[in-house]
Amino acid sequence: MKTVALVAPAGPVAPERLERALSVLGSWGLRVRNLVKPGSRHASYLADTDAARAELFTEAWLDPEVDAVLAARGGYGTQRMLDLLDWPALRGAGAKVFAGSSDVTALHAAIHQHLGLPTLFSPMPAGDYWDDAGGAGLRRALFEPGPVTLPGTEALVPGAARGRLTGGNLSLLASSVGTPEQGGARDALVVLEDVTEPVYRLDRMLTQLLRAGWFDGVAGIVLGTWTQCGDPGQVRALMLDRLAPLGVPVLAGVPFGHVEGSLTVPLGVEAVLETDALRVVTGAA
């Protein structure tokens, strides 16, 4: 039986959401180690102090019985605890699976940079958009890792490319410019999504990443969902305006991100981007 640890690296988790998460994970036949304090909050928008969140994440990762660490939800605050983590100690614990999305994008980048491990950009069991369909994808990724195909709806820029998968939530990527874990997208396939960001703010974030050189040498781009980000036609036009000049394939409409039924996307693994789909060559667990 696999053992997973549930953590809250960002925002607070309501007791009823925590109960749902524990019930779902238990129903999968997982042994769950809960490191989320129900209803705990700090400064109104954090699950706990930075030190406490870092300590609980570390406790989960260093537990030799834990196979995977799952973020209960996103919100805000993951970046605040990254400098408090003892990365050499975490590296010594060996390979683990980490899963989560949204604000947790910052932790994906840090794990890739400091530990060299793949991760899962996935729905979160105490998150706003969790449902059975999205949960089924995460469950498959945990129990049956391997090649998967993630379909898209439109090739904004046709073509094919291959590379490691990186990226995640656009606003987190833009706000991470200049940080130690930021890295870049050279030779990579970048996945992007966001929620409740007006088109002009999406423009600003893409422009910031472009001007910072983050997209330099990118192999291809995969666009997920843009829930409550304004008129879809305007979002599409923006993506063409900002990303098509890079001269690489751009696939849109892959159903991952802040949306019910979200797919789980492995990060840090090899994948092939084609006109109609993203084909992940290797699994993350």
C-alpha atoms as a PDB file:
ATOM      1  CA  MET A   1       0.000   0.000   0.000  1.00  0.00           C
ATOM      2  CA  LYS A   2       1.298   3.434  -0.942  1.00  0.00           C
ATOM      3  CA  THR A   3       1.585   6.083   1.755  1.00  0.00           C
ATOM      4  CA  VAL A   4       0.951   9.732   0.883  1.00  0.00           C
ATOM      5  CA  ALA A   5       1.434  12.811   3.026  1.00  0.00           C
ATOM      6  CA  LEU A   6      -1.018  15.695   2.706  1.00  0.00           C
ATOM      7  CA  VAL A   7       0.491  19.163   3.229  1.00  0.00           C
ATOM      8  CA  ALA A   8      -0.595  22.813   2.996  1.00  0.00           C
ATOM      9  CA  PRO A   9       2.344  24.841   1.603  1.00  0.00           C
ATOM     10  CA  ALA A  10       0.204  27.865   0.761  1.00  0.00           C
ATOM     11  CA  GLY A  11      -3.307  28.882   1.833  1.00  0.00           C
ATOM     12  CA  PRO A  12      -5.449  27.649   4.737  1.00  0.00           C
ATOM     13  CA  VAL A  13      -7.594  24.535   4.351  1.00  0.00           C
ATOM     14  CA  ALA A  14     -11.184  24.593   5.569  1.00  0.00           C
ATOM     15  CA  PRO A  15     -12.092  21.633   7.826  1.00  0.00           C
ATOM     16  CA  GLU A  16     -14.775  20.355   5.429  1.00  0.00           C
ATOM     17  CA  ARG A  17     -12.325  20.484   2.498  1.00  0.00           C
ATOM     18  CA  LEU A  18      -9.740  18.581   4.518  1.00  0.00           C
ATOM     19  CA  GLU A  19     -12.312  15.953   5.430  1.00  0.00           C
ATOM     20  CA  ARG A  20     -13.161  15.548   1.746  1.00  0.00           C
ATOM     21  CA  ALA A  21      -9.511  15.192   0.791  1.00  0.00           C
ATOM     22  CA  LEU A  22      -8.807  12.557   3.425  1.00  0.00           C
ATOM     23  CA  SER A  23     -11.937  10.622   2.460  1.00  0.00           C
ATOM     24  CA  VAL A  24     -11.073  10.606  -1.238  1.00  0.00           C
ATOM     25  CA  LEU A  25      -7.451   9.566  -0.756  1.00  0.00           C
ATOM     26  CA  GLY A  26      -8.445   6.865   1.699  1.00  0.00           C
ATOM     27  CA  SER A  27     -11.004   5.494  -0.758  1.00  0.00           C
ATOM     28  CA  TRP A  28      -8.163   4.937  -3.223  1.00  0.00           C
ATOM     29  CA  GLY A  29      -6.557   2.475  -0.844  1.00  0.00           C
ATOM     30  CA  LEU A  30      -3.847   4.915   0.190  1.00  0.00           C
ATOM     31  CA  ARG A  31      -2.442   5.202   3.665  1.00  0.00           C
ATOM     32  CA  VAL A  32      -2.678   8.947   4.381  1.00  0.00           C
ATOM     33  CA  ARG A  33      -0.443  10.890   6.733  1.00  0.00           C
ATOM     34  CA  ASN A  34      -2.219  14.170   7.352  1.00  0.00           C
ATOM     35  CA  LEU A  35       0.054  17.142   8.058  1.00  0.00           C
ATOM     36  CA  VAL A  36      -2.630  19.758   7.474  1.00  0.00           C
ATOM     37  CA  LYS A  37      -4.054  21.563  10.485  1.00  0.00           C
ATOM     38  CA  PRO A  38      -7.778  22.021   9.754  1.00  0.00           C
ATOM     39  CA  GLY A  39      -8.809  25.663   9.854  1.00  0.00           C
ATOM     40  CA  SER A  40      -5.331  26.849  10.834  1.00  0.00           C
ATOM     41  CA  ARG A  41      -4.341  30.183   9.314  1.00  0.00           C
ATOM     42  CA  HIS A  42      -1.757  32.939   9.620  1.00  0.00           C
ATOM     43  CA  ALA A  43      -2.129  36.526   8.405  1.00  0.00           C
ATOM     44  CA  SER A  44      -5.598  35.448   7.180  1.00  0.00           C
ATOM     45  CA  TYR A  45      -4.317  33.981   3.887  1.00  0.00           C
ATOM     46  CA  LEU A  46      -1.614  31.470   4.898  1.00  0.00           C
ATOM     47  CA  ALA A  47      -2.106  27.976   6.324  1.00  0.00           C
ATOM     48  CA  ASP A  48       0.470  28.697   9.041  1.00  0.00           C
ATOM     49  CA  THR A  49       3.678  30.640   9.545  1.00  0.00           C
ATOM     50  CA  ASP A  50       6.354  30.207   6.893  1.00  0.00           C
ATOM     51  CA  ALA A  51       8.523  28.272   9.329  1.00  0.00           C
ATOM     52  CA  ALA A  52       5.692  25.940  10.313  1.00  0.00           C
ATOM     53  CA  ARG A  53       4.699  25.208   6.721  1.00  0.00           C
ATOM     54  CA  ALA A  54       8.318  24.516   5.794  1.00  0.00           C
ATOM     55  CA  GLU A  55       8.733  22.272   8.831  1.00  0.00           C
ATOM     56  CA  LEU A  56       5.638  20.209   8.018  1.00  0.00           C
ATOM     57  CA  PHE A  57       6.638  19.854   4.350  1.00  0.00           C
ATOM     58  CA  THR A  58      10.088  18.715   5.467  1.00  0.00           C
ATOM     59  CA  GLU A  59       8.580  16.251   7.930  1.00  0.00           C
ATOM     60  CA  ALA A  60       6.474  14.771   5.154  1.00  0.00           C
ATOM     61  CA  TRP A  61       9.377  14.509   2.706  1.00  0.00           C
ATOM     62  CA  LEU A  62      11.812  12.979   5.184  1.00  0.00           C
ATOM     63  CA  ASP A  63       9.380  10.322   6.393  1.00  0.00           C
ATOM     64  CA  PRO A  64      10.810   7.068   4.985  1.00  0.00           C
ATOM     65  CA  GLU A  65       7.332   5.538   4.780  1.00  0.00           C
ATOM     66  CA  VAL A  66       5.940   8.327   2.584  1.00  0.00           C
ATOM     67  CA  ASP A  67       5.949   7.618  -1.154  1.00  0.00           C
ATOM     68  CA  ALA A  68       4.273  10.830  -2.317  1.00  0.00           C
ATOM     69  CA  VAL A  69       3.597  14.313  -0.952  1.00  0.00           C
ATOM     70  CA  LEU A  70       0.381  16.006  -2.103  1.00  0.00           C
ATOM     71  CA  ALA A  71      -0.562  19.656  -1.748  1.00  0.00           C
ATOM     72  CA  ALA A  72      -4.064  19.911  -0.307  1.00  0.00           C
ATOM     73  CA  ARG A  73      -4.756  23.211  -2.104  1.00  0.00           C
ATOM     74  CA  GLY A  74      -3.057  26.307  -3.502  1.00  0.00           C
ATOM     75  CA  GLY A  75      -3.888  29.902  -2.655  1.00  0.00           C
ATOM     76  CA  TYR A  76      -0.772  31.923  -1.862  1.00  0.00           C
ATOM     77  CA  GLY A  77       2.428  31.552   0.108  1.00  0.00           C
ATOM     78  CA  THR A  78       4.501  28.711  -1.329  1.00  0.00           C
ATOM     79  CA  GLN A  79       7.328  31.032  -2.390  1.00  0.00           C
ATOM     80  CA  ARG A  80       7.642  32.384   1.155  1.00  0.00           C
ATOM     81  CA  MET A  81       8.801  29.052   2.562  1.00  0.00           C
ATOM     82  CA  LEU A  82      11.246  27.923  -0.146  1.00  0.00           C
ATOM     83  CA  ASP A  83      14.310  29.548   1.445  1.00  0.00           C
ATOM     84  CA  LEU A  84      13.516  27.797   4.738  1.00  0.00           C
ATOM     85  CA  LEU A  85      13.800  24.300   3.285  1.00  0.00           C
ATOM     86  CA  ASP A  86      16.991  22.283   3.829  1.00  0.00           C
ATOM     87  CA  TRP A  87      17.445  21.047   0.285  1.00  0.00           C
ATOM     88  CA  PRO A  88      20.500  18.823   0.973  1.00  0.00           C
ATOM     89  CA  ALA A  89      18.510  17.039   3.695  1.00  0.00           C
ATOM     90  CA  LEU A  90      15.519  16.631   1.376  1.00  0.00           C
ATOM     91  CA  ARG A  91      17.816  15.273  -1.337  1.00  0.00           C
ATOM     92  CA  GLY A  92      19.090  12.677   1.089  1.00  0.00           C
ATOM     93  CA  ALA A  93      15.591  11.280   1.532  1.00  0.00           C
ATOM     94  CA  GLY A  94      15.645   9.850  -1.990  1.00  0.00           C
ATOM     95  CA  ALA A  95      13.010  10.036  -4.696  1.00  0.00           C
ATOM     96  CA  LYS A  96       9.426  10.980  -3.840  1.00  0.00           C
ATOM     97  CA  VAL A  97       6.460  12.035  -5.929  1.00  0.00           C
ATOM     98  CA  PHE A  98       5.132  15.555  -5.451  1.00  0.00           C
ATOM     99  CA  ALA A  99       1.731  16.674  -6.773  1.00  0.00           C
ATOM    100  CA  GLY A 100      -0.160  19.956  -6.793  1.00  0.00           C
ATOM    101  CA  SER A 101      -0.778  23.032  -8.952  1.00  0.00           C
ATOM    102  CA  SER A 102      -1.606  26.747  -8.957  1.00  0.00           C
ATOM    103  CA  ASP A 103       0.524  28.574  -6.332  1.00  0.00           C
ATOM    104  CA  VAL A 104       2.437  25.319  -5.853  1.00  0.00           C
ATOM    105  CA  THR A 105       4.078  25.957  -9.261  1.00  0.00           C
ATOM    106  CA  ALA A 106       6.918  27.532  -7.259  1.00  0.00           C
ATOM    107  CA  LEU A 107       7.515  24.270  -5.400  1.00  0.00           C
ATOM    108  CA  HIS A 108       7.570  22.275  -8.632  1.00  0.00           C
ATOM    109  CA  ALA A 109      10.360  24.508  -9.927  1.00  0.00           C
ATOM    110  CA  ALA A 110      12.281  24.235  -6.659  1.00  0.00           C
ATOM    111  CA  ILE A 111      12.039  20.435  -6.588  1.00  0.00           C
ATOM    112  CA  HIS A 112      13.244  20.230 -10.184  1.00  0.00           C
ATOM    113  CA  GLN A 113      16.126  22.616  -9.495  1.00  0.00           C
ATOM    114  CA  HIS A 114      17.320  21.320  -6.114  1.00  0.00           C
ATOM    115  CA  LEU A 115      16.339  17.644  -6.193  1.00  0.00           C
ATOM    116  CA  GLY A 116      16.294  16.836  -9.901  1.00  0.00           C
ATOM    117  CA  LEU A 117      12.987  14.971  -9.586  1.00  0.00           C
ATOM    118  CA  PRO A 118       9.928  14.972 -11.852  1.00  0.00           C
ATOM    119  CA  THR A 119       6.612  16.105 -10.364  1.00  0.00           C
ATOM    120  CA  LEU A 120       2.888  16.075 -11.133  1.00  0.00           C
ATOM    121  CA  PHE A 121       0.989  19.274 -11.969  1.00  0.00           C
ATOM    122  CA  SER A 122      -2.360  18.022 -10.769  1.00  0.00           C
ATOM    123  CA  PRO A 123      -5.742  18.800  -9.253  1.00  0.00           C
ATOM    124  CA  MET A 124      -5.613  19.112  -5.462  1.00  0.00           C
ATOM    125  CA  PRO A 125      -8.077  17.187  -3.245  1.00  0.00           C
ATOM    126  CA  ALA A 126      -9.013  20.213  -1.109  1.00  0.00           C
ATOM    127  CA  GLY A 127      -8.948  22.668  -4.017  1.00  0.00           C
ATOM    128  CA  ASP A 128     -11.795  24.626  -5.575  1.00  0.00           C
ATOM    129  CA  TYR A 129     -11.878  22.672  -8.830  1.00  0.00           C
ATOM    130  CA  TRP A 130     -11.516  19.128  -7.510  1.00  0.00           C
ATOM    131  CA  ASP A 131     -13.931  16.575  -8.947  1.00  0.00           C
ATOM    132  CA  ASP A 132     -14.071  12.841  -9.635  1.00  0.00           C
ATOM    133  CA  ALA A 133     -12.788  13.148 -13.205  1.00  0.00           C
ATOM    134  CA  GLY A 134      -9.744  15.174 -12.224  1.00  0.00           C
ATOM    135  CA  GLY A 135      -9.147  12.878  -9.276  1.00  0.00           C
ATOM    136  CA  ALA A 136      -9.180   9.840 -11.541  1.00  0.00           C
ATOM    137  CA  GLY A 137      -6.307  11.314 -13.549  1.00  0.00           C
ATOM    138  CA  LEU A 138      -4.230  11.957 -10.451  1.00  0.00           C
ATOM    139  CA  ARG A 139      -4.965   8.463  -9.188  1.00  0.00           C
ATOM    140  CA  ARG A 140      -3.753   6.937 -12.468  1.00  0.00           C
ATOM    141  CA  ALA A 141      -0.574   9.024 -12.299  1.00  0.00           C
ATOM    142  CA  LEU A 142       0.123   7.780  -8.773  1.00  0.00           C
ATOM    143  CA  PHE A 143      -0.685   4.113  -9.334  1.00  0.00           C
ATOM    144  CA  GLU A 144       0.052   3.591 -13.037  1.00  0.00           C
ATOM    145  CA  PRO A 145       2.754   6.086 -14.111  1.00  0.00           C
ATOM    146  CA  GLY A 146       3.846   5.906 -17.700  1.00  0.00           C
ATOM    147  CA  PRO A 147       3.240   7.346 -21.160  1.00  0.00           C
ATOM    148  CA  VAL A 148       0.042   9.392 -21.513  1.00  0.00           C
ATOM    149  CA  THR A 149      -1.562  11.478 -24.247  1.00  0.00           C
ATOM    150  CA  LEU A 150      -3.022  14.896 -23.421  1.00  0.00           C
ATOM    151  CA  PRO A 151      -5.285  16.102 -26.258  1.00  0.00           C
ATOM    152  CA  GLY A 152      -5.582  19.702 -27.366  1.00  0.00           C
ATOM    153  CA  THR A 153      -8.228  21.506 -29.393  1.00  0.00           C
ATOM    154  CA  GLU A 154      -6.255  23.796 -31.688  1.00  0.00           C
ATOM    155  CA  ALA A 155      -2.724  24.177 -33.006  1.00  0.00           C
ATOM    156  CA  LEU A 156      -2.209  27.934 -32.838  1.00  0.00           C
ATOM    157  CA  VAL A 157       1.165  27.312 -34.462  1.00  0.00           C
ATOM    158  CA  PRO A 158       1.383  23.871 -36.148  1.00  0.00           C
ATOM    159  CA  GLY A 159       4.447  21.694 -35.848  1.00  0.00           C
ATOM    160  CA  ALA A 160       6.160  19.111 -33.723  1.00  0.00           C
ATOM    161  CA  ALA A 161       8.764  19.344 -30.986  1.00  0.00           C
ATOM    162  CA  ARG A 162      10.289  17.310 -28.204  1.00  0.00           C
ATOM    163  CA  GLY A 163      11.633  18.313 -24.801  1.00  0.00           C
ATOM    164  CA  ARG A 164      11.226  18.125 -21.058  1.00  0.00           C
ATOM    165  CA  LEU A 165       8.015  19.540 -19.648  1.00  0.00           C
ATOM    166  CA  THR A 166       8.211  22.659 -17.499  1.00  0.00           C
ATOM    167  CA  GLY A 167       6.029  25.592 -16.470  1.00  0.00           C
ATOM    168  CA  GLY A 168       2.669  25.658 -14.724  1.00  0.00           C
ATOM    169  CA  ASN A 169       0.722  28.682 -13.519  1.00  0.00           C
ATOM    170  CA  LEU A 170       1.600  31.782 -15.540  1.00  0.00           C
ATOM    171  CA  SER A 171       1.328  34.301 -12.701  1.00  0.00           C
ATOM    172  CA  LEU A 172       3.648  32.224 -10.496  1.00  0.00           C
ATOM    173  CA  LEU A 173       6.182  31.873 -13.293  1.00  0.00           C
ATOM    174  CA  ALA A 174       6.167  35.629 -13.890  1.00  0.00           C
ATOM    175  CA  SER A 175       6.471  36.441 -10.175  1.00  0.00           C
ATOM    176  CA  SER A 176       9.431  34.046  -9.891  1.00  0.00           C
ATOM    177  CA  VAL A 177      11.659  35.933 -12.335  1.00  0.00           C
ATOM    178  CA  GLY A 178      15.054  36.459 -10.694  1.00  0.00           C
ATOM    179  CA  THR A 179      14.647  33.775  -8.040  1.00  0.00           C
ATOM    180  CA  PRO A 180      17.139  30.903  -7.644  1.00  0.00           C
ATOM    181  CA  GLU A 181      14.681  28.305  -8.918  1.00  0.00           C
ATOM    182  CA  GLN A 182      13.459  30.214 -11.959  1.00  0.00           C
ATOM    183  CA  GLY A 183      15.730  28.563 -14.522  1.00  0.00           C
ATOM    184  CA  GLY A 184      14.443  28.888 -18.069  1.00  0.00           C
ATOM    185  CA  ALA A 185      12.639  27.120 -20.876  1.00  0.00           C
ATOM    186  CA  ARG A 186      15.554  26.333 -23.182  1.00  0.00           C
ATOM    187  CA  ASP A 187      14.925  23.048 -25.062  1.00  0.00           C
ATOM    188  CA  ALA A 188      11.740  22.566 -23.021  1.00  0.00           C
ATOM    189  CA  LEU A 189       8.043  22.203 -23.705  1.00  0.00           C
ATOM    190  CA  VAL A 190       6.306  24.849 -21.590  1.00  0.00           C
ATOM    191  CA  VAL A 191       2.815  24.309 -20.144  1.00  0.00           C
ATOM    192  CA  LEU A 192       0.855  27.419 -19.137  1.00  0.00           C
ATOM    193  CA  GLU A 193      -2.501  28.119 -17.473  1.00  0.00           C
ATOM    194  CA  ASP A 194      -4.144  30.640 -15.159  1.00  0.00           C
ATOM    195  CA  VAL A 195      -7.407  31.766 -13.568  1.00  0.00           C
ATOM    196  CA  THR A 196      -9.244  35.081 -13.014  1.00  0.00           C
ATOM    197  CA  GLU A 197      -6.558  37.141 -14.746  1.00  0.00           C
ATOM    198  CA  PRO A 198      -7.819  39.789 -17.231  1.00  0.00           C
ATOM    199  CA  VAL A 199      -6.297  39.650 -20.688  1.00  0.00           C
ATOM    200  CA  TYR A 200      -4.118  42.722 -20.122  1.00  0.00           C
ATOM    201  CA  ARG A 201      -2.569  41.060 -17.056  1.00  0.00           C
ATOM    202  CA  LEU A 202      -1.897  37.861 -19.009  1.00  0.00           C
ATOM    203  CA  ASP A 203      -0.218  40.117 -21.580  1.00  0.00           C
ATOM    204  CA  ARG A 204       1.887  41.766 -18.870  1.00  0.00           C
ATOM    205  CA  MET A 205       3.026  38.415 -17.445  1.00  0.00           C
ATOM    206  CA  LEU A 206       3.917  36.939 -20.830  1.00  0.00           C
ATOM    207  CA  THR A 207       5.763  40.127 -21.741  1.00  0.00           C
ATOM    208  CA  GLN A 208       7.720  40.003 -18.487  1.00  0.00           C
ATOM    209  CA  LEU A 209       8.827  36.415 -19.151  1.00  0.00           C
ATOM    210  CA  LEU A 210       9.712  37.255 -22.750  1.00  0.00           C
ATOM    211  CA  ARG A 211      11.761  40.327 -21.783  1.00  0.00           C
ATOM    212  CA  ALA A 212      13.494  38.381 -18.997  1.00  0.00           C
ATOM    213  CA  GLY A 213      14.645  35.803 -21.559  1.00  0.00           C
ATOM    214  CA  TRP A 214      12.769  32.968 -19.874  1.00  0.00           C
ATOM    215  CA  PHE A 215      11.394  31.720 -23.203  1.00  0.00           C
ATOM    216  CA  ASP A 216      14.791  31.823 -24.953  1.00  0.00           C
ATOM    217  CA  GLY A 217      15.393  28.543 -26.787  1.00  0.00           C
ATOM    218  CA  VAL A 218      11.971  27.096 -25.938  1.00  0.00           C
ATOM    219  CA  ALA A 219      11.033  24.030 -28.001  1.00  0.00           C
ATOM    220  CA  GLY A 220       7.241  24.318 -27.859  1.00  0.00           C
ATOM    221  CA  ILE A 221       4.306  25.645 -25.826  1.00  0.00           C
ATOM    222  CA  VAL A 222       1.192  23.932 -24.476  1.00  0.00           C
ATOM    223  CA  LEU A 223      -1.708  26.111 -23.340  1.00  0.00           C
ATOM    224  CA  GLY A 224      -4.205  24.887 -20.783  1.00  0.00           C
ATOM    225  CA  THR A 225      -7.308  26.589 -19.439  1.00  0.00           C
ATOM    226  CA  TRP A 226      -7.850  30.289 -18.805  1.00  0.00           C
ATOM    227  CA  THR A 227     -10.870  30.130 -16.513  1.00  0.00           C
ATOM    228  CA  GLN A 228     -12.544  33.504 -15.910  1.00  0.00           C
ATOM    229  CA  CYS A 229      -9.785  35.288 -17.820  1.00  0.00           C
ATOM    230  CA  GLY A 230     -12.141  37.208 -20.092  1.00  0.00           C
ATOM    231  CA  ASP A 231     -13.251  36.665 -23.656  1.00  0.00           C
ATOM    232  CA  PRO A 232     -11.698  33.427 -25.029  1.00  0.00           C
ATOM    233  CA  GLY A 233     -11.244  35.052 -28.424  1.00  0.00           C
ATOM    234  CA  GLN A 234      -9.182  37.838 -26.871  1.00  0.00           C
ATOM    235  CA  VAL A 235      -7.099  35.317 -24.915  1.00  0.00           C
ATOM    236  CA  ARG A 236      -6.460  33.385 -28.133  1.00  0.00           C
ATOM    237  CA  ALA A 237      -5.457  36.557 -29.967  1.00  0.00           C
ATOM    238  CA  LEU A 238      -3.075  37.470 -27.147  1.00  0.00           C
ATOM    239  CA  MET A 239      -1.381  34.067 -27.221  1.00  0.00           C
ATOM    240  CA  LEU A 240      -0.867  34.362 -30.970  1.00  0.00           C
ATOM    241  CA  ASP A 241       0.474  37.894 -30.632  1.00  0.00           C
ATOM    242  CA  ARG A 242       2.945  37.144 -27.846  1.00  0.00           C
ATOM    243  CA  LEU A 243       3.938  33.515 -28.507  1.00  0.00           C
ATOM    244  CA  ALA A 244       3.697  32.893 -32.274  1.00  0.00           C
ATOM    245  CA  PRO A 245       6.770  35.109 -32.960  1.00  0.00           C
ATOM    246  CA  LEU A 246       8.868  32.584 -31.018  1.00  0.00           C
ATOM    247  CA  GLY A 247       8.549  30.346 -34.084  1.00  0.00           C
ATOM    248  CA  VAL A 248       7.780  27.141 -32.178  1.00  0.00           C
ATOM    249  CA  PRO A 249       4.681  24.897 -32.096  1.00  0.00           C
ATOM    250  CA  VAL A 250       1.878  26.153 -29.854  1.00  0.00           C
ATOM    251  CA  LEU A 251      -0.952  23.794 -28.888  1.00  0.00           C
ATOM    252  CA  ALA A 252      -4.038  25.276 -27.188  1.00  0.00           C
ATOM    253  CA  GLY A 253      -7.020  23.855 -25.369  1.00  0.00           C
ATOM    254  CA  VAL A 254      -5.376  21.099 -23.347  1.00  0.00           C
ATOM    255  CA  PRO A 255      -7.768  20.662 -20.390  1.00  0.00           C
ATOM    256  CA  PHE A 256      -5.516  21.230 -17.397  1.00  0.00           C
ATOM    257  CA  GLY A 257      -5.374  23.959 -14.777  1.00  0.00           C
ATOM    258  CA  HIS A 258      -8.163  25.670 -12.852  1.00  0.00           C
ATOM    259  CA  VAL A 259     -11.001  23.642 -14.313  1.00  0.00           C
ATOM    260  CA  GLU A 260     -13.101  20.672 -13.307  1.00  0.00           C
ATOM    261  CA  GLY A 261     -11.873  17.454 -14.863  1.00  0.00           C
ATOM    262  CA  SER A 262      -8.342  18.836 -15.079  1.00  0.00           C
ATOM    263  CA  LEU A 263      -5.744  16.469 -16.463  1.00  0.00           C
ATOM    264  CA  THR A 264      -2.631  15.647 -14.456  1.00  0.00           C
ATOM    265  CA  VAL A 265       0.480  16.792 -16.337  1.00  0.00           C
ATOM    266  CA  PRO A 266       3.878  15.333 -15.428  1.00  0.00           C
ATOM    267  CA  LEU A 267       6.637  17.966 -15.245  1.00  0.00           C
ATOM    268  CA  GLY A 268      10.356  17.390 -15.612  1.00  0.00           C
ATOM    269  CA  VAL A 269       9.869  14.463 -17.998  1.00  0.00           C
ATOM    270  CA  GLU A 270      10.286  14.019 -21.737  1.00  0.00           C
ATOM    271  CA  ALA A 271       7.321  14.626 -24.023  1.00  0.00           C
ATOM    272  CA  VAL A 272       6.489  15.081 -27.689  1.00  0.00           C
ATOM    273  CA  LEU A 273       4.299  17.976 -28.835  1.00  0.00           C
ATOM    274  CA  GLU A 274       2.366  17.351 -32.035  1.00  0.00           C
ATOM    275  CA  THR A 275      -0.327  19.245 -33.900  1.00  0.00           C
ATOM    276  CA  ASP A 276      -3.207  17.678 -31.977  1.00  0.00           C
ATOM    277  CA  ALA A 277      -1.770  16.417 -28.704  1.00  0.00           C
ATOM    278  CA  LEU A 278       0.979  16.396 -26.112  1.00  0.00           C
ATOM    279  CA  ARG A 279       2.369  12.875 -25.724  1.00  0.00           C
ATOM    280  CA  VAL A 280       4.242  12.321 -22.483  1.00  0.00           C
ATOM    281  CA  VAL A 281       6.981   9.785 -23.085  1.00  0.00           C
ATOM    282  CA  THR A 282       7.926   9.009 -19.478  1.00  0.00           C
ATOM    283  CA  GLY A 283       5.889   9.058 -16.283  1.00  0.00           C
ATOM    284  CA  ALA A 284       6.670  10.992 -13.130  1.00  0.00           C
ATOM    285  CA  ALA A 285       6.245   8.331 -10.480  1.00  0.00           C
END
